[in-house]
Protein backbone atom coordinates (compact mmCIF):
# COMPACT_ATOMS: atom_id res chain seq x y z
CA MET A 1 -0.17 0.13 0.18
CA LYS A 2 2.85 2.23 1.05
CA TYR A 3 3.99 2.57 -2.87
CA LEU A 4 0.40 2.73 -4.21
CA LYS A 5 0.45 6.03 -1.90
CA LEU A 6 3.80 6.98 -3.18
CA ILE A 7 3.01 7.17 -7.11
CA ARG A 8 -0.43 8.52 -5.94
CA TYR A 9 -2.62 5.69 -7.41
CA LYS A 10 -6.28 8.05 -6.88
CA ASN A 11 -4.44 10.47 -9.20
CA ILE A 12 -3.00 7.99 -11.62
CA LEU A 13 -6.46 6.20 -11.50
CA MET A 14 -7.90 9.46 -12.67
CA ILE A 15 -5.69 10.21 -15.19
CA GLY A 16 -6.31 6.59 -17.12
CA GLY A 17 -9.83 7.01 -16.88
CA MET A 18 -9.56 10.68 -18.39
CA GLN A 19 -8.08 9.36 -21.42
CA TYR A 20 -10.24 6.25 -21.44
CA ALA A 21 -13.39 8.28 -21.45
CA LEU A 22 -11.97 10.87 -23.95
CA ARG A 23 -11.60 7.54 -26.65
CA TYR A 24 -14.31 5.78 -25.88
CA GLY A 25 -16.51 7.97 -24.71
CA LEU A 26 -15.88 11.06 -27.03
CA ILE A 27 -13.48 10.19 -30.10
CA LEU A 28 -14.88 6.85 -30.75
CA PRO A 29 -18.39 8.18 -31.03
CA ILE A 30 -17.35 11.04 -33.14
CA LEU A 31 -15.68 9.10 -35.71
CA SER A 32 -18.38 6.42 -35.68
CA HIS A 33 -20.64 9.70 -36.57
CA TYR A 34 -18.89 10.49 -39.31
CA GLU A 35 -18.48 6.78 -40.91
CA VAL A 36 -14.57 7.05 -39.68
CA SER A 37 -13.17 3.33 -38.83
CA PRO A 38 -10.81 4.13 -36.13
CA VAL A 39 -7.37 2.20 -37.13
CA LEU A 40 -5.12 2.62 -33.11
CA SER A 41 -5.94 -0.82 -31.83
CA HIS A 42 -7.40 -1.71 -28.27
CA LEU A 43 -4.11 -3.00 -27.22
CA ARG A 44 -1.88 -0.04 -28.91
CA PHE A 45 -4.01 2.63 -26.88
CA ALA A 46 -3.62 0.90 -23.68
CA LEU A 47 0.35 0.99 -24.18
CA VAL A 48 -0.33 5.12 -24.84
CA VAL A 49 -2.17 5.45 -21.72
CA LEU A 50 0.43 3.15 -19.85
CA SER A 51 3.33 5.28 -21.05
CA THR A 52 1.27 8.03 -19.56
CA LEU A 53 1.05 6.70 -16.42
CA LEU A 54 4.27 5.40 -16.02
CA LEU A 55 5.71 8.92 -16.42
CA ALA A 56 3.29 10.39 -14.11
CA ALA A 57 4.14 7.65 -11.55
CA ALA A 58 7.68 8.24 -11.93
CA GLY A 59 6.99 12.25 -11.63
CA TYR A 60 4.93 11.55 -8.32
CA ILE A 61 8.28 9.96 -6.90
CA ILE A 62 10.43 12.21 -7.82
CA ASN A 63 8.61 15.32 -6.59
CA ASP A 64 8.19 13.83 -3.00
CA TYR A 65 12.06 12.74 -2.98
CA PHE A 66 13.17 16.17 -3.22
CA ASP A 67 9.96 17.37 -1.01
CA ILE A 68 11.37 15.54 1.86
CA ARG A 69 11.87 18.64 4.24
CA ILE A 70 9.24 20.64 2.71
CA ASP A 71 7.13 17.25 3.94
CA ARG A 72 8.09 17.10 7.23
CA ILE A 73 6.73 20.52 7.89
CA ASN A 74 3.58 20.46 6.24
CA LYS A 75 2.08 16.89 6.81
CA PRO A 76 4.85 14.87 9.08
CA ASN A 77 2.53 11.63 9.26
CA LYS A 78 1.73 11.41 5.23
CA VAL A 79 6.00 11.42 5.02
CA LEU A 80 6.73 7.76 3.08
CA ILE A 81 10.39 8.38 1.41
CA GLY A 82 13.16 8.17 4.15
CA ARG A 83 10.83 7.07 6.88
CA HIS A 84 8.82 3.91 5.23
CA ILE A 85 10.56 3.64 1.79
CA ALA A 86 14.33 4.00 1.41
CA ARG A 87 15.23 7.13 -0.63
CA ARG A 88 17.80 4.60 -2.56
CA THR A 89 14.75 2.61 -3.47
CA ALA A 90 12.40 5.75 -4.25
CA LEU A 91 15.02 6.94 -6.78
CA PHE A 92 15.32 3.30 -8.41
CA LEU A 93 11.78 3.26 -8.78
CA HIS A 94 11.74 6.53 -10.59
CA VAL A 95 14.31 5.65 -12.87
CA LEU A 96 12.73 2.12 -13.45
CA LEU A 97 9.30 3.82 -14.39
CA THR A 98 10.84 6.57 -15.95
CA MET A 99 12.83 4.32 -18.45
CA LEU A 100 9.81 2.25 -18.73
CA GLY A 101 7.62 4.86 -19.92
CA ILE A 102 10.40 6.11 -22.38
CA LEU A 103 10.56 2.84 -24.28
CA VAL A 104 6.80 2.69 -24.53
CA GLY A 105 6.56 6.45 -25.37
CA LEU A 106 9.18 5.63 -28.47
CA PHE A 107 7.56 2.40 -29.50
CA ILE A 108 4.09 4.36 -29.82
CA ALA A 109 5.97 7.06 -31.72
CA TYR A 110 7.75 4.83 -33.81
CA VAL A 111 4.23 2.80 -34.54
CA ALA A 112 2.82 6.49 -35.12
CA ARG A 113 5.82 7.77 -37.48
CA LYS A 114 5.79 10.74 -35.62
CA GLU A 115 9.32 11.92 -33.84
CA ILE A 116 7.77 14.83 -32.37
CA TYR A 117 6.06 12.08 -30.02
CA ALA A 118 9.78 10.61 -29.32
CA LEU A 119 11.09 14.30 -28.52
CA MET A 120 7.91 14.35 -25.99
CA TYR A 121 8.21 10.98 -24.66
CA ILE A 122 11.90 12.31 -23.38
CA ALA A 123 11.20 15.82 -22.61
CA VAL A 124 8.41 15.22 -20.43
CA PRO A 125 10.63 13.55 -17.62
CA VAL A 126 13.07 16.24 -17.98
CA LEU A 127 10.45 18.94 -17.75
CA LEU A 128 9.10 16.51 -14.21
CA TRP A 129 12.40 16.41 -13.09
CA TYR A 130 13.07 20.14 -13.20
CA TYR A 131 9.69 20.74 -11.90
CA SER A 132 10.89 18.91 -8.81
CA THR A 133 14.06 20.34 -8.28
CA THR A 134 13.76 23.99 -9.39
CA PHE A 135 10.42 25.29 -11.18
CA LYS A 136 7.79 24.50 -8.38
CA ARG A 137 10.34 26.82 -5.83
CA HIS A 138 9.61 29.90 -8.44
CA ILE A 139 6.75 32.13 -8.62
CA VAL A 140 4.05 30.58 -10.93
CA ILE A 141 6.41 28.61 -12.62
CA GLY A 142 5.42 24.74 -11.57
CA ASN A 143 1.70 25.63 -11.39
CA LEU A 144 2.19 25.97 -15.26
CA VAL A 145 4.21 23.38 -16.47
CA ILE A 146 2.31 20.70 -14.38
CA SER A 147 -0.88 22.27 -15.83
CA PHE A 148 0.35 22.33 -19.17
CA LEU A 149 1.59 18.65 -19.16
CA THR A 150 -1.95 17.90 -17.95
CA GLY A 151 -3.18 19.65 -21.06
CA ILE A 152 -0.90 17.73 -23.31
CA VAL A 153 -2.26 14.34 -21.73
CA VAL A 154 -5.65 15.28 -23.22
CA LEU A 155 -4.12 16.69 -26.55
CA LEU A 156 -2.16 13.52 -26.58
CA VAL A 157 -5.45 11.12 -27.22
CA VAL A 158 -6.84 12.92 -29.81
CA SER A 159 -3.48 13.36 -31.30
CA ILE A 160 -2.25 9.93 -31.97
CA GLU A 161 -5.95 8.76 -32.97
CA PHE A 162 -5.55 10.86 -35.97
CA ALA A 163 -1.58 10.30 -36.73
CA MET A 164 -2.65 6.43 -36.71
CA LEU A 165 -5.67 7.35 -39.36
CA THR A 166 -3.26 9.83 -41.27
CA LYS A 167 -1.05 6.63 -42.05
CA VAL A 168 -4.01 4.68 -43.68
CA TYR A 169 -6.39 7.24 -45.08
CA GLY A 170 -3.39 10.07 -45.50
CA GLU A 171 -3.70 13.81 -45.04
CA GLN A 172 -6.96 14.40 -46.09
CA ILE A 173 -8.56 12.74 -43.02
CA LEU A 174 -7.33 16.18 -41.50
CA ARG A 175 -9.52 18.37 -43.73
CA THR A 176 -12.68 16.46 -42.70
CA GLU A 177 -15.22 17.19 -40.28
CA ALA A 178 -14.68 14.19 -38.29
CA CYS A 179 -11.26 15.85 -37.29
CA SER A 180 -12.59 19.42 -36.60
CA THR A 181 -14.98 18.44 -34.38
CA ALA A 182 -12.71 15.72 -32.04
CA TRP A 183 -9.95 18.35 -31.85
CA PHE A 184 -12.96 21.29 -30.93
CA TYR A 185 -14.05 19.24 -27.87
CA THR A 186 -10.49 17.62 -27.01
CA THR A 187 -9.64 20.81 -26.99
CA GLY A 188 -11.92 22.57 -24.65
CA PHE A 189 -11.56 19.80 -22.09
CA ALA A 190 -7.52 20.25 -22.26
CA ILE A 191 -8.62 24.12 -21.62
CA PHE A 192 -10.44 22.99 -18.68
CA ALA A 193 -7.67 20.31 -17.31
CA PHE A 194 -5.48 22.89 -17.57
CA LEU A 195 -7.38 25.86 -15.72
CA SER A 196 -8.73 23.25 -13.17
CA ASN A 197 -5.11 22.01 -12.37
CA PHE A 198 -3.65 25.26 -12.45
CA ILE A 199 -6.31 26.91 -9.69
CA ARG A 200 -5.91 23.39 -7.76
CA GLU A 201 -1.72 24.03 -7.92
CA ILE A 202 -2.26 27.11 -6.11
CA ILE A 203 -4.32 25.76 -3.78
CA LYS A 204 -2.07 23.38 -2.88
CA ASP A 205 0.45 26.09 -2.74
CA THR A 206 -1.49 27.87 -0.40
CA GLU A 207 -2.13 24.71 2.00
CA ASP A 208 1.57 24.09 1.92
CA VAL A 209 3.03 28.00 2.70
CA LYS A 210 4.67 26.93 5.76
CA GLY A 211 6.72 24.02 4.58
CA ASP A 212 7.49 26.08 1.37
CA LYS A 213 8.72 29.35 3.16
CA THR A 214 11.03 27.22 5.66
CA VAL A 215 12.98 26.10 2.21
CA GLY A 216 12.87 29.25 0.62
CA CYS A 217 10.52 28.27 -2.02
CA LYS A 218 8.75 31.62 -3.81
CA THR A 219 5.41 30.14 -4.07
CA LEU A 220 2.53 32.54 -5.40
CA PRO A 221 0.73 32.62 -1.52
CA ILE A 222 4.30 33.47 -0.16
CA ALA A 223 5.04 36.14 -2.71
CA LEU A 224 1.64 37.96 -2.91
CA GLY A 225 0.22 37.05 -0.04
CA ILE A 226 -2.71 34.43 1.29
CA LYS A 227 -5.14 37.22 0.81
CA LEU A 228 -4.09 38.45 -3.04
CA THR A 229 -3.62 34.53 -3.84
CA LYS A 230 -7.15 33.68 -3.13
CA VAL A 231 -8.44 36.51 -5.13
CA PHE A 232 -6.67 35.40 -8.24
CA VAL A 233 -8.18 31.65 -7.67
CA LEU A 234 -11.54 33.34 -6.96
CA VAL A 235 -10.83 35.07 -10.30
CA LEU A 236 -9.80 31.93 -12.28
CA GLU A 237 -12.96 30.60 -10.49
CA GLY A 238 -15.32 33.25 -12.16
CA ILE A 239 -13.70 32.96 -15.47
CA SER A 240 -13.50 28.91 -15.42
CA LEU A 241 -17.79 28.99 -14.56
CA LEU A 242 -18.15 32.02 -17.28
CA ALA A 243 -16.42 30.04 -20.26
CA MET A 244 -18.33 26.74 -18.80
CA TRP A 245 -21.77 28.46 -19.24
CA GLY A 246 -20.64 30.27 -22.32
CA ILE A 247 -19.83 27.01 -24.13
CA TYR A 248 -23.52 25.21 -22.79
CA PHE A 249 -25.00 28.38 -24.81
CA TYR A 250 -22.64 28.74 -27.75
CA VAL A 251 -22.67 24.74 -28.60
CA ASP A 252 -26.36 24.16 -29.31
CA LYS A 253 -26.20 20.57 -29.55
CA PHE A 254 -25.65 20.68 -25.83
CA SER A 255 -29.38 20.96 -25.21
CA SER A 256 -29.74 17.46 -27.14
CA ILE A 257 -27.37 15.81 -24.43
CA PRO A 258 -29.89 13.87 -21.95
CA PHE A 259 -29.66 15.19 -18.33
CA ALA A 260 -27.07 18.14 -19.54
CA LEU A 261 -28.81 20.77 -18.31
CA PRO A 262 -29.19 18.96 -14.70
CA TYR A 263 -25.60 17.98 -15.04
CA TYR A 264 -24.53 21.59 -15.49
CA ILE A 265 -26.17 22.81 -12.26
CA ILE A 266 -25.71 19.73 -10.07
CA GLY A 267 -22.14 18.37 -11.34
CA LEU A 268 -20.29 21.23 -12.56
CA THR A 269 -21.52 24.52 -11.15
CA LEU A 270 -22.21 23.03 -7.57
CA PRO A 271 -19.09 21.74 -7.00
CA HIS A 272 -17.44 24.89 -8.24
CA ALA A 273 -19.90 26.95 -6.13
CA LEU A 274 -18.67 25.30 -3.03
CA LEU A 275 -15.06 25.28 -4.06
CA ILE A 276 -15.48 29.26 -3.88
CA TYR A 277 -17.43 29.08 -0.94
CA LYS A 278 -15.05 27.07 1.18
CA LEU A 279 -12.25 29.34 -0.13
CA ILE A 280 -13.65 32.31 1.09
CA LYS A 281 -13.88 30.82 4.42
CA ALA A 282 -10.66 29.13 4.66
CA ASN A 283 -7.65 30.41 7.17
CA ARG A 284 -6.01 27.45 8.25
CA SER A 285 -3.84 24.82 6.05
CA VAL A 286 -6.55 21.92 6.97
CA ASP A 287 -9.41 24.52 5.37
CA TYR A 288 -7.08 24.93 2.48
CA HIS A 289 -6.54 20.86 1.78
CA GLN A 290 -10.64 20.49 2.13
CA VAL A 291 -10.53 23.14 -0.91
CA SER A 292 -7.84 21.43 -2.74
CA ASN A 293 -9.87 17.89 -2.26
CA LEU A 294 -13.22 20.09 -3.66
CA SER A 295 -10.98 20.81 -7.33
CA LYS A 296 -10.21 17.90 -7.21
CA LEU A 297 -14.06 17.18 -7.38
CA VAL A 298 -14.60 19.64 -10.27
CA ILE A 299 -11.81 17.69 -12.01
CA LEU A 300 -13.88 14.53 -11.79
CA MET A 301 -17.05 15.70 -12.75
CA GLY A 302 -15.54 17.15 -15.77
CA ILE A 303 -13.90 13.69 -16.82
CA ILE A 304 -17.68 12.10 -16.14
CA PHE A 305 -19.08 15.07 -18.56
CA ILE A 306 -17.12 13.54 -21.04
CA LEU A 307 -19.18 10.96 -21.49
CA LEU A 308 -22.57 12.70 -21.95
CA VAL A 309 -20.87 15.06 -24.66
CA GLY A 310 -20.36 11.78 -26.86
CA GLN A 311 -24.07 11.20 -26.80
CA MET A 312 -24.69 13.74 -29.49
CA PHE A 313 -23.01 11.56 -31.49
């Protein structure tokens, strides 16, 4: 169980679930609607997800490895490395998972004939390493890096799908309505994932101020103060809600989705409203931890909504 906690198995399951929901709940229904037969096999898509999860797990391990001092202050009862898992073991697991993730990713790049994927699978572990050692200690940079990678995880699903389709149908498949529709909705979810994760990262920084300040980190709450950081997050939440409802009224087909309006109100808007309320009231680390958990709920409800959007096709 300690190793599952080390790789943040709940987050890992959410990442994998999001990729599967995107392909099987949204992209494949879109392809079926436009009578395009998918080329990417179930096994090879599973390898795409596996490579993502391996690199994510490796990233969580190396983050904990370099955060031992911070975690001993912020969450002393949850420290695993150096207490329940030897530092050497943790580093070995990080290297092992990273190498496996890169190898699987390079295989995917070879199959898709996309050199850019090979570069991506090599660059991501480097970014995660520098995030853990450097980026997260600077104002906003670390938050943006992780949020950017979260968006990439979403876009990878549609990108690999059409890379494989291009091999069979040629580049004309990229000019079809099936392609533009799939990219439109997937990009929307990528923006949602980026913004939701960015908000969550800032909330986590607010929760961890004590430890971060001790080791000299310059996160947003330390640089601006708690009050201004809360205002910043509230503005982002407002933008997120406006964008969400703007898309609902912009996309006419949304009204044809069964239970779309009730889900928008109960499943999407209510968690946002509760997060905003809890954030305004928060003044202790434990309060911000609750807000952070609510931000996870917002992301989860967004993932479930993918399956509803797929019902349009």
